[in-house]
Amino acid sequence: MTTVLPPPKSPGAPLQAHRFAGLAPGPRLIVTGAVHGDEICGTQAIVRVLGELLRGEIELRRGVLTLVPVCNPLAYALGRRFGDRNLNRRLRESAAPADNEDRIANALCPWLAEHDALLDLHSFRSPGRPFVLRGPADNDSELEPFARSAEEAALAAHLGVDRVVEGWMPAYAGGARRRRERGGRHGAAAVLEDLAYGVGTTEYMRSRGGYAVTLECGQHDDLAAPAVARHAIRQAIALLGLADLPLAPPPSSFECLRLDAVVDRDDEEDRFARAWTSFDPLREGDLIAVRKDGTQLRAPRAGWIVFPDVNARPGHEWFYLAQASGRGL
């Protein structure tokens, strides 16, 4: 039976974290749900696993497990994506918090920094199968230096899904660069041109020496999504050896994609040429969208469209283009 947390009783409801510490040393895993308030499959799964832990059906042997069922109580209570802004953008601590998400970040960021690994549970609007978002290969670049890609790959491989997407920060940085070159025609551009705006939970985790993946568990109202999320939590616990749970083998093969570029919406009258969903294939030259002035946006090469957003505001990300990745798992 699926359990849903009741909505917080006030806009200022506190974050709740449930921590379990094994009596032997081991990795520290944090699992988060409802970073976006209308994505509740992770919350449902976390509540179910929490019950299993409290009843002794899962017994933590080593390390630390922290469960955060609802990362954005205000957005969860309102049943919408965010309170004042997107919590999964510009995630950082603030000495002078200006909005709901700033105040959440001041509580959530220290929790993330205390752990080795993050499993962040989400869902998406359009129909489609679950997929996992991972970070870069090991590197020492200024954009997103990283040294734990092998551990991250192992976690991504064992969550029960066979589609893996990477390249968020390079694609976002390319979009920010193009906005600067165009001079920022929209009120939001000053924010969007800041590379820090591309930092969400997983990027913050990597910046603090950990590793992290985002699991997109299915469409928002997909009845199977909570089960996908629960399976992933249990797999992460088993993989890290926190409890004596069976570890299922990874899929025999993976579809690995790389986000190649982001295209912004310039005007409310910019429109898609058809009703796209994430991972619809594109042939070179396919018509994707038409600008208000009639400019046609066509696929520069064969690939996929990812995260098309019919509700994107002018100056914000409208859709991403993806290519096959040369990195396996």
Protein backbone atom coordinates (compact mmCIF):
# COMPACT_ATOMS: atom_id res chain seq x y z
CA MET A 1 0.00 0.00 0.00
CA THR A 2 1.30 3.45 -0.91
CA THR A 3 1.65 5.93 1.95
CA VAL A 4 1.60 9.68 1.36
CA LEU A 5 2.77 12.21 3.93
CA PRO A 6 0.11 14.76 4.88
CA PRO A 7 0.96 18.26 3.66
CA PRO A 8 2.71 20.54 6.15
CA LYS A 9 0.31 22.59 8.26
CA SER A 10 2.09 25.91 7.72
CA PRO A 11 4.27 27.54 5.03
CA GLY A 12 7.13 27.61 7.52
CA ALA A 13 7.02 23.89 8.33
CA PRO A 14 10.47 22.52 9.16
CA LEU A 15 12.43 20.04 7.10
CA GLN A 16 12.35 16.51 8.46
CA ALA A 17 15.34 14.18 8.27
CA HIS A 18 15.29 10.61 9.58
CA ARG A 19 18.79 9.29 10.34
CA PHE A 20 19.92 5.74 11.04
CA ALA A 21 23.49 4.96 12.10
CA GLY A 22 24.92 1.47 11.96
CA LEU A 23 27.27 0.38 14.72
CA ALA A 24 30.12 -0.28 12.27
CA PRO A 25 31.80 2.35 10.11
CA GLY A 26 30.70 2.64 6.51
CA PRO A 27 29.51 4.98 3.76
CA ARG A 28 27.03 7.77 4.44
CA LEU A 29 24.01 7.86 2.12
CA ILE A 30 21.32 10.54 1.95
CA VAL A 31 18.07 10.03 0.02
CA THR A 32 15.89 13.02 -0.87
CA GLY A 33 12.34 13.39 -2.13
CA ALA A 34 10.07 16.27 -3.18
CA VAL A 35 12.80 18.71 -4.10
CA HIS A 36 9.98 19.74 -6.42
CA GLY A 37 6.72 19.69 -4.50
CA ASP A 38 4.62 18.05 -7.19
CA GLU A 39 7.03 15.12 -7.58
CA ILE A 40 5.88 12.87 -4.76
CA CYS A 41 6.88 9.36 -5.83
CA GLY A 42 10.16 9.73 -3.94
CA THR A 43 8.30 10.88 -0.85
CA GLN A 44 6.00 7.86 -1.04
CA ALA A 45 8.95 5.48 -1.43
CA ILE A 46 10.97 7.08 1.37
CA VAL A 47 8.00 6.84 3.75
CA ARG A 48 7.62 3.16 2.92
CA VAL A 49 11.32 2.42 3.44
CA LEU A 50 11.23 4.44 6.67
CA GLY A 51 8.46 2.14 7.90
CA GLU A 52 10.55 -0.91 6.98
CA LEU A 53 13.46 0.48 8.98
CA LEU A 54 11.32 1.30 12.01
CA ARG A 55 9.76 -2.18 11.99
CA GLY A 56 13.17 -3.82 11.75
CA GLU A 57 12.54 -5.26 8.30
CA ILE A 58 15.68 -3.40 7.21
CA GLU A 59 18.39 -3.23 9.86
CA LEU A 60 21.27 -0.87 9.27
CA ARG A 61 24.56 -2.66 10.00
CA ARG A 62 27.15 -0.05 9.04
CA GLY A 63 27.48 3.53 7.90
CA VAL A 64 24.75 6.18 7.98
CA LEU A 65 21.44 6.46 6.14
CA THR A 66 19.53 9.76 6.14
CA LEU A 67 16.05 10.00 4.61
CA VAL A 68 14.52 13.38 3.74
CA PRO A 69 10.97 12.67 2.50
CA VAL A 70 10.06 16.28 1.63
CA CYS A 71 12.81 18.75 0.76
CA ASN A 72 10.42 21.59 -0.07
CA PRO A 73 7.54 21.60 2.47
CA LEU A 74 5.90 24.74 1.05
CA ALA A 75 5.85 23.46 -2.52
CA TYR A 76 4.66 20.04 -1.29
CA ALA A 77 1.81 21.64 0.66
CA LEU A 78 0.80 23.67 -2.41
CA GLY A 79 1.13 20.68 -4.74
CA ARG A 80 3.31 22.59 -7.17
CA ARG A 81 6.89 22.51 -8.43
CA PHE A 82 8.33 25.23 -6.19
CA GLY A 83 7.48 27.75 -3.49
CA ASP A 84 9.16 30.97 -4.61
CA ARG A 85 11.66 29.55 -7.13
CA ASN A 86 13.23 26.28 -8.27
CA LEU A 87 15.07 24.70 -5.33
CA ASN A 88 17.15 22.63 -7.76
CA ARG A 89 18.79 25.73 -9.21
CA ARG A 90 21.32 27.97 -7.44
CA LEU A 91 21.43 25.63 -4.45
CA ARG A 92 23.80 27.15 -1.92
CA GLU A 93 23.87 28.50 1.60
CA SER A 94 23.03 32.17 2.01
CA ALA A 95 23.92 34.61 4.78
CA ALA A 96 20.86 36.68 3.84
CA PRO A 97 18.16 34.27 2.62
CA ALA A 98 15.70 36.07 0.36
CA ASP A 99 13.04 33.43 -0.29
CA ASN A 100 11.63 30.06 0.73
CA GLU A 101 14.18 28.09 -1.27
CA ASP A 102 17.11 30.07 0.19
CA ARG A 103 15.92 29.18 3.68
CA ILE A 104 15.58 25.51 2.72
CA ALA A 105 19.08 25.50 1.24
CA ASN A 106 20.52 26.76 4.52
CA ALA A 107 19.18 23.63 6.22
CA LEU A 108 19.60 21.13 3.38
CA CYS A 109 23.11 21.98 2.15
CA PRO A 110 24.86 21.08 5.44
CA TRP A 111 23.00 17.76 5.47
CA LEU A 112 24.20 16.97 1.96
CA ALA A 113 27.78 17.91 2.80
CA GLU A 114 27.84 15.42 5.69
CA HIS A 115 27.35 12.45 3.37
CA ASP A 116 29.32 10.50 0.77
CA ALA A 117 26.49 9.70 -1.63
CA LEU A 118 23.14 11.19 -2.64
CA LEU A 119 20.16 9.52 -4.28
CA ASP A 120 17.75 12.29 -5.35
CA LEU A 121 14.31 11.04 -6.41
CA HIS A 122 12.24 12.93 -9.01
CA SER A 123 9.52 12.42 -11.64
CA PHE A 124 8.65 14.15 -14.92
CA ARG A 125 5.64 15.58 -16.78
CA SER A 126 5.60 13.67 -20.07
CA PRO A 127 5.11 9.93 -20.59
CA GLY A 128 8.32 7.94 -20.71
CA ARG A 129 10.43 5.34 -18.97
CA PRO A 130 12.56 6.09 -15.91
CA PHE A 131 16.14 7.27 -16.32
CA VAL A 132 19.09 8.34 -14.21
CA LEU A 133 21.16 11.52 -14.44
CA ARG A 134 24.83 11.26 -13.56
CA GLY A 135 27.76 13.66 -13.41
CA PRO A 136 30.99 14.01 -15.37
CA ALA A 137 33.97 11.74 -15.76
CA ASP A 138 36.83 12.39 -13.35
CA ASN A 139 38.40 15.73 -14.19
CA ASP A 140 40.11 18.79 -12.70
CA SER A 141 38.33 21.46 -14.72
CA GLU A 142 36.97 24.66 -13.20
CA LEU A 143 33.39 23.89 -14.25
CA GLU A 144 32.74 20.67 -12.31
CA PRO A 145 35.88 18.98 -10.96
CA PHE A 146 35.20 15.42 -9.86
CA ALA A 147 37.10 12.36 -8.65
CA ARG A 148 34.45 9.75 -7.79
CA SER A 149 32.95 8.82 -11.15
CA ALA A 150 33.54 5.08 -10.66
CA GLU A 151 31.47 5.05 -7.45
CA GLU A 152 28.81 7.19 -9.10
CA ALA A 153 28.68 4.88 -12.12
CA ALA A 154 28.22 1.85 -9.89
CA LEU A 155 25.33 3.55 -8.10
CA ALA A 156 23.68 4.59 -11.37
CA ALA A 157 24.06 1.07 -12.78
CA HIS A 158 22.31 -0.63 -9.86
CA LEU A 159 19.16 1.50 -9.53
CA GLY A 160 17.13 -0.69 -11.90
CA VAL A 161 16.95 1.56 -14.98
CA ASP A 162 18.79 1.25 -18.29
CA ARG A 163 18.80 4.83 -19.60
CA VAL A 164 21.58 7.13 -18.32
CA VAL A 165 21.93 10.84 -19.12
CA GLU A 166 24.94 13.05 -18.47
CA GLY A 167 26.25 16.48 -19.42
CA TRP A 168 23.94 18.82 -17.51
CA MET A 169 26.56 21.35 -16.42
CA PRO A 170 28.43 21.63 -19.78
CA ALA A 171 25.11 22.08 -21.60
CA TYR A 172 23.94 24.64 -19.07
CA ALA A 173 27.29 26.50 -19.21
CA GLY A 174 27.00 26.67 -23.00
CA GLY A 175 23.53 28.18 -22.66
CA ALA A 176 24.78 30.74 -20.15
CA ARG A 177 27.60 31.71 -22.49
CA ARG A 178 25.17 32.25 -25.37
CA ARG A 179 22.94 34.40 -23.16
CA ARG A 180 25.89 36.61 -22.29
CA GLU A 181 26.83 36.91 -25.96
CA ARG A 182 23.25 37.96 -26.81
CA GLY A 183 23.31 40.60 -24.10
CA GLY A 184 20.55 39.17 -21.89
CA ARG A 185 17.26 40.33 -23.38
CA HIS A 186 15.06 39.07 -20.54
CA GLY A 187 14.68 40.00 -16.90
CA ALA A 188 15.69 36.52 -15.78
CA ALA A 189 18.85 36.51 -17.87
CA ALA A 190 21.04 38.00 -15.14
CA VAL A 191 20.26 34.99 -12.98
CA LEU A 192 20.45 32.45 -15.77
CA GLU A 193 23.83 33.74 -16.92
CA ASP A 194 25.26 32.90 -13.48
CA LEU A 195 26.75 29.39 -13.65
CA ALA A 196 25.79 28.94 -9.99
CA TYR A 197 22.18 28.87 -11.17
CA GLY A 198 22.94 25.49 -12.76
CA VAL A 199 23.85 23.97 -9.39
CA GLY A 200 21.22 21.67 -7.90
CA THR A 201 21.37 18.91 -5.32
CA THR A 202 23.72 16.61 -7.23
CA GLU A 203 26.07 19.37 -8.37
CA TYR A 204 26.25 20.72 -4.82
CA MET A 205 26.99 17.22 -3.50
CA ARG A 206 29.89 16.76 -5.93
CA SER A 207 31.25 20.20 -5.04
CA ARG A 208 31.54 19.03 -1.44
CA GLY A 209 33.48 15.87 -2.26
CA GLY A 210 30.60 13.42 -2.55
CA TYR A 211 28.93 11.73 -5.50
CA ALA A 212 25.30 11.82 -6.53
CA VAL A 213 22.68 10.72 -9.01
CA THR A 214 19.18 11.90 -9.80
CA LEU A 215 16.66 9.17 -10.54
CA GLU A 216 13.70 10.26 -12.64
CA CYS A 217 11.25 7.54 -11.60
CA GLY A 218 8.55 8.05 -14.24
CA GLN A 219 5.69 10.39 -15.04
CA HIS A 220 4.27 12.35 -12.09
CA ASP A 221 1.05 10.30 -11.89
CA ASP A 222 2.54 6.95 -12.92
CA LEU A 223 1.38 4.44 -10.31
CA ALA A 224 4.58 2.45 -10.84
CA ALA A 225 6.90 5.37 -10.02
CA PRO A 226 6.90 4.89 -6.20
CA ALA A 227 7.90 1.25 -6.68
CA VAL A 228 10.76 2.33 -8.97
CA ALA A 229 11.90 4.75 -6.27
CA ARG A 230 11.62 2.20 -3.44
CA HIS A 231 13.59 -0.39 -5.44
CA ALA A 232 16.32 2.20 -6.05
CA ILE A 233 16.58 3.09 -2.35
CA ARG A 234 16.91 -0.56 -1.37
CA GLN A 235 19.45 -1.15 -4.13
CA ALA A 236 21.55 1.81 -2.96
CA ILE A 237 21.47 0.50 0.61
CA ALA A 238 22.52 -2.96 -0.60
CA LEU A 239 25.25 -1.67 -2.94
CA LEU A 240 26.87 0.40 -0.18
CA GLY A 241 26.62 -2.48 2.27
CA LEU A 242 24.62 -0.51 4.82
CA ALA A 243 22.23 -3.42 5.45
CA ASP A 244 21.95 -7.07 4.49
CA LEU A 245 19.65 -6.64 1.51
CA PRO A 246 19.89 -8.62 -1.73
CA LEU A 247 21.58 -6.72 -4.56
CA ALA A 248 19.95 -7.27 -7.94
CA PRO A 249 22.29 -7.41 -10.94
CA PRO A 250 22.39 -4.35 -13.20
CA PRO A 251 20.71 -4.41 -16.62
CA SER A 252 22.66 -6.22 -19.33
CA SER A 253 23.04 -3.03 -21.39
CA PHE A 254 22.47 0.71 -21.04
CA GLU A 255 21.39 3.53 -23.30
CA CYS A 256 23.84 6.31 -22.45
CA LEU A 257 23.12 9.83 -23.70
CA ARG A 258 24.89 13.18 -23.34
CA LEU A 259 23.11 16.52 -23.21
CA ASP A 260 24.69 18.47 -26.04
CA ALA A 261 22.98 21.89 -26.03
CA VAL A 262 20.13 23.85 -24.48
CA VAL A 263 17.76 26.11 -26.42
CA ASP A 264 15.94 28.93 -24.62
CA ARG A 265 12.47 30.26 -25.24
CA ASP A 266 12.64 33.89 -26.35
CA ASP A 267 8.95 34.79 -26.44
CA GLU A 268 5.60 33.46 -25.19
CA GLU A 269 4.62 33.01 -28.85
CA ASP A 270 7.55 30.71 -29.60
CA ARG A 271 5.94 27.30 -30.18
CA PHE A 272 6.86 23.68 -30.65
CA ALA A 273 6.21 22.15 -34.07
CA ARG A 274 4.60 19.14 -32.37
CA ALA A 275 3.90 17.76 -28.91
CA TRP A 276 7.37 16.52 -28.01
CA THR A 277 8.21 14.24 -25.10
CA SER A 278 11.64 13.61 -23.62
CA PHE A 279 13.80 11.22 -25.63
CA ASP A 280 11.79 11.50 -28.82
CA PRO A 281 14.33 10.74 -31.57
CA LEU A 282 15.37 13.45 -34.01
CA ARG A 283 16.66 13.13 -37.53
CA GLU A 284 18.99 15.76 -38.93
CA GLY A 285 16.85 18.65 -40.17
CA ASP A 286 13.69 17.72 -38.26
CA LEU A 287 11.60 20.79 -37.43
CA ILE A 288 11.53 21.17 -33.64
CA ALA A 289 10.03 24.60 -33.04
CA VAL A 290 9.18 27.96 -34.60
CA ARG A 291 10.04 31.37 -33.12
CA LYS A 292 7.53 34.23 -32.98
CA ASP A 293 9.25 35.84 -36.00
CA GLY A 294 8.94 32.63 -38.04
CA THR A 295 12.51 31.39 -37.52
CA GLN A 296 12.54 27.61 -37.71
CA LEU A 297 14.56 25.60 -35.21
CA ARG A 298 15.70 22.34 -36.77
CA ALA A 299 17.79 19.49 -35.43
CA PRO A 300 21.42 20.16 -36.38
CA ARG A 301 22.11 16.42 -36.35
CA ALA A 302 20.42 13.17 -35.48
CA GLY A 303 19.85 12.66 -31.76
CA TRP A 304 17.14 13.16 -29.17
CA ILE A 305 15.09 15.99 -27.66
CA VAL A 306 15.13 16.07 -23.84
CA PHE A 307 13.16 18.08 -21.27
CA PRO A 308 10.87 19.96 -23.70
CA ASP A 309 8.91 22.47 -21.63
CA VAL A 310 5.77 23.96 -23.17
CA ASN A 311 5.43 26.20 -20.11
CA ALA A 312 8.95 27.64 -20.24
CA ARG A 313 9.11 31.34 -19.54
CA PRO A 314 10.97 33.65 -21.95
CA GLY A 315 14.66 33.67 -21.11
CA HIS A 316 14.55 30.16 -19.63
CA GLU A 317 15.48 26.69 -20.86
CA TRP A 318 12.98 25.47 -23.47
CA PHE A 319 14.47 22.15 -24.55
CA TYR A 320 17.74 20.23 -24.66
CA LEU A 321 19.36 18.28 -27.48
CA ALA A 322 21.16 15.02 -26.73
CA GLN A 323 23.64 12.74 -28.48
CA ALA A 324 24.85 9.23 -27.77
CA SER A 325 27.52 9.21 -25.06
CA GLY A 326 30.81 7.44 -25.45
CA ARG A 327 30.86 6.68 -21.71
CA GLY A 328 29.45 3.39 -20.59
CA LEU A 329 28.76 2.13 -17.10
